[in-house]
Amino acid sequence: MTINTNKILNEVTAYMNPNTQHKYQQKRSFISGLTADFMNQLSEVRDIYNQEPDMFFSTIKMNDSFMLKIPKNQRATVIEDITLDFTKRLNNYLIKHPERVCNQQYKVRPFIGIENRDLMGFGTVEHSHSILMMNPFHRREHQINDNHLQYLALRIITESSPFQTRTDNHTVNLKRDCHSIQIDPLAVSEDVEKTLGYLLKTATLSDDENLFAVLNNNSMEKFYETKNAQRQSAYSEAA
C-alpha cells in the first residue's frame, strides 16, 4: 500500500473552516511532522509483521454524563487510558498470552488521536480516533473479516469488568459509560489518506482549549518488548 502524504495534507485543508485557512498555512510543517510520525509507525509495524498490515479506523466516544463528571484538565488523559485499555482488551480477544515476546508480531497496534473539537472547530466532548494496524495473520488463520473487530468491540463493551484509569484513578464501566466504539475497515491507500486527514483535522487549531494530541503506541510497546526479551534471556541463561 502506497500512501501519498500530500493527499493527507490536502484532506486536512478540506476539513478546515475557511475562516481558519491562514492557520493551516502557518502550521503546514506541523501537519507534515504528524504525518511523518504516522509513516514512521507504519514502517515499524511493517517490519514487526514482516508484511503490510490490515488497517481499520476506530472511534471511541464516552457518554457525556460520564465525561462531564471528570475535571476538564483530566479528560484527555482519561480518554487516552480508555483507548489504550480497549486496545489491550482487543489483543486479549485475538491472542492467547499477548504480552509474550513471541506474540508481539500478532498484536494490534494503534495510531491514536485525541481531540475535543468537531469538523468546524467548535468544542465537543473529548474522544479518540485511531488507525488500528492488524497483522493479516488474523484474517488468514482466524478467518476474521471486516466486521469481526466491530463484533469484538461490542463484546468488550458488554463483557468488560470496571477498571481504573492509570491517571487519577477514575472508575470506568464501559457497559454503563461508553456511548459507542465504531470500527471500519480501510481497504485501500485512499481510505487511509482520507482517514488520517480526518484524524488530524483539528491539529492546527491554536486556541487554548484545543487539546489535540497524537499517541505513538509503538514507543511504549518497544519498552515492554525490551524488558520481556531481557527477562526471557535471563530465564534461558539460568536454564
Protein backbone atom coordinates (compact mmCIF):
# COMPACT_ATOMS: atom_id res chain seq x y z
CA MET A 1 0.00 0.00 0.00
CA THR A 2 1.49 3.33 -1.10
CA ILE A 3 0.32 6.37 0.87
CA ASN A 4 0.57 9.86 -0.61
CA THR A 5 1.38 12.28 2.23
CA ASN A 6 0.46 15.31 0.10
CA LYS A 7 -3.07 13.97 -0.18
CA ILE A 8 -3.22 13.81 3.61
CA LEU A 9 -2.25 17.49 3.81
CA ASN A 10 -4.98 18.27 1.29
CA GLU A 11 -7.50 16.33 3.36
CA VAL A 12 -6.66 18.39 6.44
CA THR A 13 -7.23 21.55 4.43
CA ALA A 14 -10.57 20.28 3.15
CA TYR A 15 -11.87 19.68 6.66
CA MET A 16 -10.90 23.09 7.99
CA ASN A 17 -13.20 26.06 8.39
CA PRO A 18 -12.40 28.53 5.57
CA ASN A 19 -12.01 31.24 8.20
CA THR A 20 -9.03 29.36 9.66
CA GLN A 21 -7.16 28.57 6.44
CA HIS A 22 -4.38 31.01 7.35
CA LYS A 23 -3.69 28.94 10.47
CA TYR A 24 -3.15 25.87 8.31
CA GLN A 25 -0.69 27.70 6.09
CA GLN A 26 1.30 28.77 9.15
CA LYS A 27 1.42 25.23 10.51
CA ARG A 28 1.80 23.10 7.39
CA SER A 29 5.13 21.84 8.73
CA PHE A 30 3.37 20.73 11.93
CA ILE A 31 0.91 18.59 9.97
CA SER A 32 3.80 17.24 7.89
CA GLY A 33 5.52 16.20 11.13
CA LEU A 34 2.45 14.36 12.41
CA THR A 35 2.08 12.63 9.05
CA ALA A 36 5.75 11.63 9.16
CA ASP A 37 5.17 10.20 12.65
CA PHE A 38 2.36 8.03 11.29
CA MET A 39 4.51 6.90 8.35
CA ASN A 40 7.35 6.01 10.74
CA GLN A 41 4.99 3.96 12.88
CA LEU A 42 3.60 2.26 9.79
CA SER A 43 7.16 1.41 8.70
CA GLU A 44 7.90 -0.05 12.14
CA VAL A 45 4.71 -2.12 12.05
CA ARG A 46 5.58 -3.44 8.58
CA ASP A 47 8.92 -4.58 9.99
CA ILE A 48 7.27 -6.20 13.02
CA TYR A 49 4.63 -8.00 10.92
CA ASN A 50 7.02 -8.60 8.01
CA GLN A 51 4.15 -7.65 5.71
CA GLU A 52 1.59 -4.93 5.02
CA PRO A 53 -0.88 -4.56 7.91
CA ASP A 54 -4.63 -4.62 7.58
CA MET A 55 -5.91 -1.23 8.75
CA PHE A 56 -9.09 -0.09 10.45
CA PHE A 57 -10.47 3.22 11.70
CA SER A 58 -11.77 3.29 15.27
CA THR A 59 -13.69 5.99 17.14
CA ILE A 60 -14.32 5.80 20.89
CA LYS A 61 -16.90 8.10 22.46
CA MET A 62 -17.97 8.07 26.08
CA ASN A 63 -21.31 9.26 27.42
CA ASP A 64 -21.49 12.98 28.21
CA SER A 65 -22.75 12.12 31.70
CA PHE A 66 -19.50 10.24 32.35
CA MET A 67 -17.12 12.77 30.80
CA LEU A 68 -18.66 15.87 32.38
CA LYS A 69 -18.11 14.44 35.87
CA ILE A 70 -14.35 14.40 35.21
CA PRO A 71 -12.36 17.61 35.77
CA LYS A 72 -11.68 19.29 32.44
CA ASN A 73 -7.90 19.08 32.78
CA GLN A 74 -8.08 15.28 33.24
CA ARG A 75 -10.42 14.32 30.41
CA ALA A 76 -7.78 13.91 27.68
CA THR A 77 -5.70 11.51 29.78
CA VAL A 78 -8.84 9.58 30.74
CA ILE A 79 -9.72 9.10 27.06
CA GLU A 80 -6.11 8.09 26.41
CA ASP A 81 -6.28 5.46 29.15
CA ILE A 82 -9.63 4.13 27.91
CA THR A 83 -8.36 3.87 24.33
CA LEU A 84 -5.19 2.05 25.38
CA ASP A 85 -7.21 -0.26 27.64
CA PHE A 86 -9.58 -1.03 24.76
CA THR A 87 -6.62 -1.92 22.51
CA LYS A 88 -5.23 -4.17 25.23
CA ARG A 89 -8.58 -5.94 25.61
CA LEU A 90 -8.86 -6.30 21.83
CA ASN A 91 -5.47 -8.03 21.77
CA ASN A 92 -6.57 -10.28 24.63
CA TYR A 93 -9.50 -11.45 22.49
CA LEU A 94 -7.31 -12.00 19.43
CA ILE A 95 -4.19 -13.51 21.01
CA LYS A 96 -3.50 -16.00 23.75
CA HIS A 97 -0.84 -14.50 26.06
CA PRO A 98 -0.37 -11.29 24.03
CA GLU A 99 2.43 -10.00 26.29
CA ARG A 100 4.78 -12.86 25.46
CA VAL A 101 7.73 -11.91 23.28
CA CYS A 102 6.81 -14.48 20.65
CA ASN A 103 3.36 -12.91 20.22
CA GLN A 104 4.39 -9.28 19.74
CA GLN A 105 4.14 -9.68 15.97
CA TYR A 106 0.43 -10.53 16.25
CA LYS A 107 -0.68 -7.55 18.34
CA VAL A 108 -2.95 -4.81 17.00
CA ARG A 109 -1.05 -1.51 17.10
CA PRO A 110 -2.90 1.83 17.14
CA PHE A 111 -2.03 5.32 15.95
CA ILE A 112 -4.22 7.42 18.25
CA GLY A 113 -5.51 10.96 18.03
CA ILE A 114 -7.41 12.61 20.88
CA GLU A 115 -9.50 15.72 20.30
CA ASN A 116 -12.21 17.94 21.72
CA ARG A 117 -13.20 19.79 18.54
CA ASP A 118 -15.62 18.97 15.72
CA LEU A 119 -15.21 19.45 11.96
CA MET A 120 -15.81 23.19 12.23
CA GLY A 121 -13.51 23.67 15.19
CA PHE A 122 -16.26 24.01 17.78
CA GLY A 123 -15.93 22.40 21.21
CA THR A 124 -17.18 18.87 21.79
CA VAL A 125 -16.67 16.18 24.43
CA GLU A 126 -13.21 14.61 24.38
CA HIS A 127 -12.98 11.43 22.29
CA SER A 128 -10.42 9.42 20.35
CA HIS A 129 -9.86 8.35 16.76
CA SER A 130 -7.39 5.58 15.96
CA ILE A 131 -5.95 3.87 12.94
CA LEU A 132 -5.63 0.24 14.03
CA MET A 133 -2.94 -1.84 12.34
CA MET A 134 -3.55 -5.58 12.44
CA ASN A 135 -1.38 -8.47 11.30
CA PRO A 136 -3.06 -10.20 8.29
CA PHE A 137 -2.33 -13.44 10.14
CA HIS A 138 -5.61 -12.96 12.00
CA ARG A 139 -7.58 -12.63 8.77
CA ARG A 140 -5.97 -15.72 7.25
CA GLU A 141 -5.70 -18.04 10.23
CA HIS A 142 -8.73 -16.97 12.26
CA GLN A 143 -10.95 -16.04 9.32
CA ILE A 144 -11.50 -12.56 10.72
CA ASN A 145 -13.50 -10.48 8.27
CA ASP A 146 -14.04 -6.73 8.12
CA ASN A 147 -16.94 -6.88 10.58
CA HIS A 148 -15.28 -9.04 13.21
CA LEU A 149 -13.44 -6.23 15.03
CA GLN A 150 -16.74 -4.36 15.39
CA TYR A 151 -18.24 -7.52 16.88
CA LEU A 152 -15.32 -7.76 19.32
CA ALA A 153 -15.76 -4.09 20.25
CA LEU A 154 -19.39 -4.76 21.20
CA ARG A 155 -18.30 -7.74 23.28
CA ILE A 156 -15.68 -5.65 25.06
CA ILE A 157 -18.29 -3.02 25.89
CA THR A 158 -20.80 -5.52 27.28
CA GLU A 159 -18.45 -8.04 28.92
CA SER A 160 -15.63 -5.94 30.42
CA SER A 161 -15.46 -5.52 34.16
CA PRO A 162 -14.98 -1.98 35.54
CA PHE A 163 -11.39 -0.73 35.66
CA GLN A 164 -9.42 2.22 36.98
CA THR A 165 -7.72 4.69 34.67
CA ARG A 166 -3.95 4.84 35.06
CA THR A 167 -4.23 8.60 35.60
CA ASP A 168 -6.25 9.98 38.53
CA ASN A 169 -7.90 6.60 39.21
CA HIS A 170 -11.29 7.21 37.63
CA THR A 171 -13.56 4.16 37.55
CA VAL A 172 -14.73 3.20 34.05
CA ASN A 173 -17.60 0.82 33.37
CA LEU A 174 -17.80 0.52 29.58
CA LYS A 175 -21.26 -1.03 29.62
CA ARG A 176 -22.57 1.97 31.54
CA ASP A 177 -20.24 4.78 30.46
CA CYS A 178 -19.38 4.10 26.80
CA HIS A 179 -21.52 5.78 24.15
CA SER A 180 -20.02 3.84 21.22
CA ILE A 181 -16.97 2.20 19.70
CA GLN A 182 -17.09 2.20 15.90
CA ILE A 183 -14.58 0.26 13.79
CA ASP A 184 -14.50 0.40 9.98
CA PRO A 185 -12.04 -1.22 7.54
CA LEU A 186 -9.59 0.85 5.49
CA ALA A 187 -9.28 -1.21 2.34
CA VAL A 188 -7.05 0.91 0.09
CA SER A 189 -4.47 3.68 0.40
CA GLU A 190 -7.06 6.34 -0.47
CA ASP A 191 -9.08 5.27 2.58
CA VAL A 192 -6.02 5.67 4.80
CA GLU A 193 -5.15 9.08 3.35
CA LYS A 194 -8.68 10.41 3.81
CA THR A 195 -8.98 8.94 7.30
CA LEU A 196 -5.65 10.27 8.53
CA GLY A 197 -6.64 13.68 7.19
CA TYR A 198 -9.83 13.42 9.25
CA LEU A 199 -7.90 12.26 12.33
CA LEU A 200 -5.60 15.30 12.08
CA LYS A 201 -8.35 17.78 11.19
CA THR A 202 -8.16 19.83 14.41
CA ALA A 203 -4.42 19.61 14.99
CA THR A 204 -3.71 23.12 13.73
CA LEU A 205 -6.31 24.97 15.81
CA SER A 206 -4.31 27.18 18.16
CA ASP A 207 -6.90 28.23 20.74
CA ASP A 208 -6.07 27.45 24.36
CA GLU A 209 -8.97 25.00 24.72
CA ASN A 210 -7.80 22.72 21.89
CA LEU A 211 -6.18 19.65 23.43
CA PHE A 212 -5.40 17.69 20.25
CA ALA A 213 -2.75 15.03 20.87
CA VAL A 214 -1.28 12.09 18.97
CA LEU A 215 -0.05 8.94 20.72
CA ASN A 216 2.53 6.64 19.20
CA ASN A 217 1.89 3.35 20.94
CA ASN A 218 4.91 1.63 19.36
CA SER A 219 7.40 3.50 21.55
CA MET A 220 5.62 2.18 24.64
CA GLU A 221 5.39 -1.34 23.20
CA LYS A 222 9.12 -1.36 22.40
CA PHE A 223 9.93 -0.59 26.03
CA TYR A 224 7.94 -3.58 27.24
CA GLU A 225 9.26 -5.80 24.46
CA THR A 226 12.83 -4.99 25.54
CA LYS A 227 12.01 -5.76 29.16
CA ASN A 228 10.33 -9.03 28.20
CA ALA A 229 13.26 -10.00 25.98
CA GLN A 230 15.72 -9.32 28.81
CA ARG A 231 13.64 -11.38 31.19
CA GLN A 232 13.35 -14.21 28.66
CA SER A 233 17.14 -14.14 28.13
CA ALA A 234 17.74 -14.32 31.86
CA TYR A 235 15.48 -17.38 32.12
CA SER A 236 17.32 -19.05 29.23
CA GLU A 237 20.73 -18.45 30.82
CA ALA A 238 19.51 -19.77 34.15
CA ALA A 239 18.29 -22.93 32.45
